[in-house]
Protein backbone atom coordinates (compact mmCIF):
# COMPACT_ATOMS: atom_id res chain seq x y z
CA UNK A 1 -20.12 27.82 -42.09
CA UNK A 2 -17.15 25.74 -43.26
CA UNK A 3 -13.84 25.99 -41.47
CA UNK A 4 -11.04 27.80 -43.26
CA UNK A 5 -8.65 25.29 -44.83
CA UNK A 6 -4.91 25.79 -44.35
CA UNK A 7 -2.33 25.14 -47.05
CA UNK A 8 -1.53 21.71 -45.53
CA UNK A 9 -5.16 20.64 -45.92
CA UNK A 10 -6.13 20.90 -42.23
CA UNK A 11 -8.89 23.21 -41.07
CA UNK A 12 -8.28 26.16 -38.78
CA UNK A 13 -10.51 24.47 -36.18
CA UNK A 14 -8.31 21.36 -36.19
CA UNK A 15 -5.20 23.49 -35.79
CA UNK A 16 -6.81 25.35 -32.89
CA UNK A 17 -7.75 22.11 -31.14
CA UNK A 18 -4.24 20.75 -31.63
CA UNK A 19 -2.80 23.95 -30.22
CA UNK A 20 -5.10 23.71 -27.17
CA UNK A 21 -3.99 20.12 -26.52
CA UNK A 22 -0.32 21.13 -26.70
CA UNK A 23 -1.01 24.06 -24.37
CA UNK A 24 -2.73 21.77 -21.88
CA UNK A 25 0.26 19.45 -21.81
CA UNK A 26 2.64 22.36 -21.29
CA UNK A 27 0.51 23.78 -18.49
CA UNK A 28 1.06 20.72 -16.26
CA UNK A 29 3.51 21.77 -13.55
CA UNK A 30 6.53 19.70 -12.57
CA UNK A 31 4.79 18.62 -9.36
CA UNK A 32 1.65 17.63 -11.26
CA UNK A 33 3.66 15.66 -13.80
CA UNK A 34 5.50 13.88 -11.00
CA UNK A 35 2.23 12.86 -9.35
CA UNK A 36 0.85 11.70 -12.69
CA UNK A 37 3.89 9.50 -13.28
CA UNK A 38 3.64 8.10 -9.74
CA UNK A 39 -0.03 7.21 -10.22
CA UNK A 40 0.68 5.52 -13.55
CA UNK A 41 3.72 3.70 -12.23
CA UNK A 42 1.82 2.54 -9.15
CA UNK A 43 -0.95 1.01 -11.27
CA UNK A 44 1.50 -0.69 -13.63
CA UNK A 45 3.73 -2.06 -10.86
CA UNK A 46 0.65 -3.48 -9.12
CA UNK A 47 -0.58 -5.11 -12.33
CA UNK A 48 2.68 -6.29 -13.91
CA UNK A 49 5.33 -6.10 -11.22
CA UNK A 50 8.65 -4.29 -11.42
CA UNK A 51 10.20 -6.48 -14.10
CA UNK A 52 7.07 -6.47 -16.26
CA UNK A 53 6.84 -2.67 -16.33
CA UNK A 54 8.94 -0.59 -18.71
CA UNK A 55 9.84 3.08 -18.83
CA UNK A 56 8.42 3.14 -22.36
CA UNK A 57 5.02 2.03 -21.11
CA UNK A 58 5.02 4.52 -18.24
CA UNK A 59 5.92 7.35 -20.60
CA UNK A 60 3.36 6.29 -23.21
CA UNK A 61 0.51 6.21 -20.69
CA UNK A 62 1.55 9.65 -19.41
CA UNK A 63 1.76 11.03 -22.95
CA UNK A 64 5.38 12.09 -22.52
CA UNK A 65 8.76 11.00 -23.79
CA UNK A 66 11.06 8.67 -21.83
CA UNK A 67 13.48 11.48 -20.88
CA UNK A 68 10.69 13.07 -18.84
CA UNK A 69 10.49 9.97 -16.64
CA UNK A 70 14.27 9.95 -16.24
CA UNK A 71 14.23 13.66 -15.43
CA UNK A 72 11.83 13.18 -12.52
CA UNK A 73 13.00 9.84 -11.11
CA UNK A 74 16.28 8.87 -12.77
CA UNK A 75 14.65 5.74 -14.19
CA UNK A 76 12.22 2.97 -13.35
CA UNK A 77 14.08 2.04 -10.15
CA UNK A 78 13.74 5.55 -8.77
CA UNK A 79 10.04 5.69 -9.53
CA UNK A 80 9.49 2.28 -7.94
CA UNK A 81 11.40 3.30 -4.80
CA UNK A 82 9.20 6.38 -4.30
CA UNK A 83 6.02 4.36 -4.84
CA UNK A 84 7.10 1.70 -2.32
CA UNK A 85 8.18 4.30 0.23
CA UNK A 86 4.80 6.03 0.02
CA UNK A 87 2.90 2.78 0.44
CA UNK A 88 4.99 1.69 3.41
CA UNK A 89 4.49 5.03 5.14
CA UNK A 90 0.75 4.91 4.43
CA UNK A 91 0.38 1.44 5.94
CA UNK A 92 2.61 2.17 8.93
CA UNK A 93 0.68 5.38 9.64
CA UNK A 94 -2.63 3.51 9.49
CA UNK A 95 -1.42 0.78 11.85
CA UNK A 96 0.25 3.04 14.41
CA UNK A 97 -2.64 5.52 14.26
CA UNK A 98 -5.12 2.74 15.00
CA UNK A 99 -3.41 1.54 18.19
CA UNK A 100 -5.30 3.69 20.68
CA UNK A 101 -7.10 1.22 22.97
CA UNK A 102 -6.01 0.32 26.46
CA UNK A 103 -7.08 -3.30 26.47
CA UNK A 104 -4.59 -5.64 24.72
CA UNK A 105 -7.33 -7.62 22.98
CA UNK A 106 -8.83 -4.48 21.50
CA UNK A 107 -5.34 -3.41 20.37
CA UNK A 108 -5.13 -6.67 18.43
CA UNK A 109 -8.48 -5.91 16.83
CA UNK A 110 -7.34 -2.43 15.88
CA UNK A 111 -4.12 -3.70 14.32
CA UNK A 112 -6.00 -6.35 12.32
CA UNK A 113 -8.57 -3.84 11.10
CA UNK A 114 -5.84 -1.34 10.14
CA UNK A 115 -4.14 -3.84 7.85
CA UNK A 116 -7.40 -5.06 6.33
CA UNK A 117 -8.55 -1.44 5.86
CA UNK A 118 -5.34 -0.69 3.98
CA UNK A 119 -5.77 -3.75 1.74
CA UNK A 120 -9.35 -2.73 0.98
CA UNK A 121 -8.61 0.93 0.27
CA UNK A 122 -5.11 0.69 -1.22
CA UNK A 123 -5.25 -2.63 -3.03
CA UNK A 124 -2.70 -1.66 -5.69
CA UNK A 125 -0.29 -0.50 -3.02
CA UNK A 126 -0.50 -3.74 -1.10
CA UNK A 127 -0.02 -5.78 -4.28
CA UNK A 128 3.22 -3.86 -4.85
CA UNK A 129 4.42 -4.44 -1.28
CA UNK A 130 3.86 -8.20 -1.38
CA UNK A 131 5.50 -8.65 -4.77
CA UNK A 132 9.19 -9.46 -5.05
CA UNK A 133 11.27 -6.29 -4.95
CA UNK A 134 14.12 -5.60 -7.39
CA UNK A 135 17.39 -7.29 -6.54
CA UNK A 136 19.04 -3.95 -5.85
CA UNK A 137 16.25 -2.90 -3.49
CA UNK A 138 17.41 -3.35 0.10
CA UNK A 139 14.27 -1.94 1.70
CA UNK A 140 10.61 -2.04 0.88
CA UNK A 141 10.24 -5.81 0.98
CA UNK A 142 7.24 -7.45 2.59
CA UNK A 143 9.50 -8.91 5.28
CA UNK A 144 10.95 -5.50 6.16
CA UNK A 145 7.44 -4.06 6.28
CA UNK A 146 6.33 -6.73 8.76
CA UNK A 147 9.41 -6.02 10.85
CA UNK A 148 8.71 -2.28 10.88
CA UNK A 149 5.11 -2.79 12.01
CA UNK A 150 6.17 -5.35 14.62
CA UNK A 151 8.54 -2.77 16.10
CA UNK A 152 5.56 -0.47 16.61
CA UNK A 153 3.69 -3.04 18.74
CA UNK A 154 6.75 -4.41 20.49
CA UNK A 155 6.66 -1.82 23.29
CA UNK A 156 2.96 -2.44 23.87
CA UNK A 157 3.55 -6.16 24.22
CA UNK A 158 6.56 -5.55 26.44
CA UNK A 159 4.49 -3.57 28.94
CA UNK A 160 1.74 -6.19 28.90
CA UNK A 161 4.27 -8.98 29.48
CA UNK A 162 5.77 -7.10 32.41
CA UNK A 163 2.35 -6.53 33.99
CA UNK A 164 1.57 -10.25 33.69
CA UNK A 165 4.91 -11.37 35.07
CA UNK A 166 6.30 -12.65 31.76
CA UNK A 167 9.77 -11.93 30.43
CA UNK A 168 9.50 -8.62 28.47
CA UNK A 169 12.59 -9.63 26.47
CA UNK A 170 10.32 -12.04 24.58
CA UNK A 171 8.12 -9.19 23.34
CA UNK A 172 10.00 -8.82 19.99
CA UNK A 173 9.49 -12.52 19.22
CA UNK A 174 5.76 -12.36 19.93
CA UNK A 175 5.43 -9.06 18.05
CA UNK A 176 6.93 -10.63 14.92
CA UNK A 177 4.69 -13.69 15.29
CA UNK A 178 1.49 -11.70 15.73
CA UNK A 179 2.14 -9.19 12.98
CA UNK A 180 3.35 -11.92 10.63
CA UNK A 181 0.15 -13.88 11.20
CA UNK A 182 -2.04 -10.87 10.45
CA UNK A 183 0.02 -9.75 7.45
CA UNK A 184 0.11 -13.16 5.77
CA UNK A 185 -3.60 -13.64 6.35
CA UNK A 186 -4.13 -10.23 4.79
CA UNK A 187 -2.09 -11.32 1.78
CA UNK A 188 -4.43 -14.29 1.34
CA UNK A 189 -7.54 -12.08 1.86
CA UNK A 190 -6.26 -9.70 -0.83
CA UNK A 191 -7.69 -12.00 -3.50
CA UNK A 192 -10.13 -14.15 -1.54
CA UNK A 193 -12.11 -11.28 0.07
CA UNK A 194 -14.09 -13.90 1.96
CA UNK A 195 -15.22 -13.91 4.69
CA UNK A 196 -16.05 -10.26 5.37
CA UNK A 197 -13.43 -7.98 6.89
CA UNK A 198 -14.89 -7.92 10.41
CA UNK A 199 -15.15 -11.70 10.47
CA UNK A 200 -11.52 -12.07 9.36
CA UNK A 201 -10.43 -9.66 12.11
CA UNK A 202 -12.48 -11.56 14.70
CA UNK A 203 -10.94 -14.91 13.78
CA UNK A 204 -7.41 -13.49 13.77
CA UNK A 205 -7.88 -12.08 17.25
CA UNK A 206 -9.54 -15.31 18.36
CA UNK A 207 -6.43 -17.31 17.48
CA UNK A 208 -3.99 -14.72 18.83
CA UNK A 209 -5.85 -14.17 22.09
CA UNK A 210 -7.07 -17.67 22.98
CA UNK A 211 -4.64 -19.95 21.13
CA UNK A 212 -5.75 -23.16 19.46
CA UNK A 213 -6.68 -24.79 22.75
CA UNK A 214 -9.16 -22.09 23.76
CA UNK A 215 -10.66 -20.99 20.44
CA UNK A 216 -14.15 -19.53 20.57
CA UNK A 217 -16.52 -21.28 18.18
CA UNK A 218 -18.10 -17.96 17.24
CA UNK A 219 -15.49 -15.25 17.90
CA UNK A 220 -16.69 -11.76 18.77
CA UNK A 221 -15.22 -8.31 18.60
CA UNK A 222 -15.03 -6.26 21.79
CA UNK A 223 -13.97 -2.90 20.31
CA UNK A 224 -16.11 -0.21 18.69
CA UNK A 225 -15.25 -1.51 15.19
CA UNK A 226 -17.82 -4.02 13.96
CA UNK A 227 -17.21 -3.82 10.21
């Protein structure tokens, strides 16, 4: 049976489908729309960077008008700030949550694995964090992220230094050095993805634990993580 044809030449079926599509768009709640915009913005910022991404493109991919983006985030800067904040909290939570071992060498392994796990599972997020932030952005830079993570391991190093008779006041310096080494290696591994994650972690710990003078030719992992 043929569809009834309206006065404007469109069939009743076409009008019904169009009405359903409009209804579906309207049914998205404010919270759902916000999450949609965050997901789209996250992907675009990772691919093109902050400067290369426009509000027009974000709105177009979401199927909304530009005012909708401004309504939720006040503009591209606001959306970017929320994305960066989420990624920083995700990475910090993964690193601090991984530091559970008692032995310092295993703690190093856990920290290395946490960062590499994040890069593997949240690649877009890490690409955003290591890109240059907007000029007006005072937080959310890669350097500030390294500093935040270093603060988390500073106390652990301080206790270990004290137990070994070293000056615990040097713990912040060593925390920055260790975390910086792991983070920058992770930035390189982001694209290289060779060697495998466990091997990267083993070599990082090898250098941090033994130093250049005492490097193991075939470094091993002592913790429960082997991959």
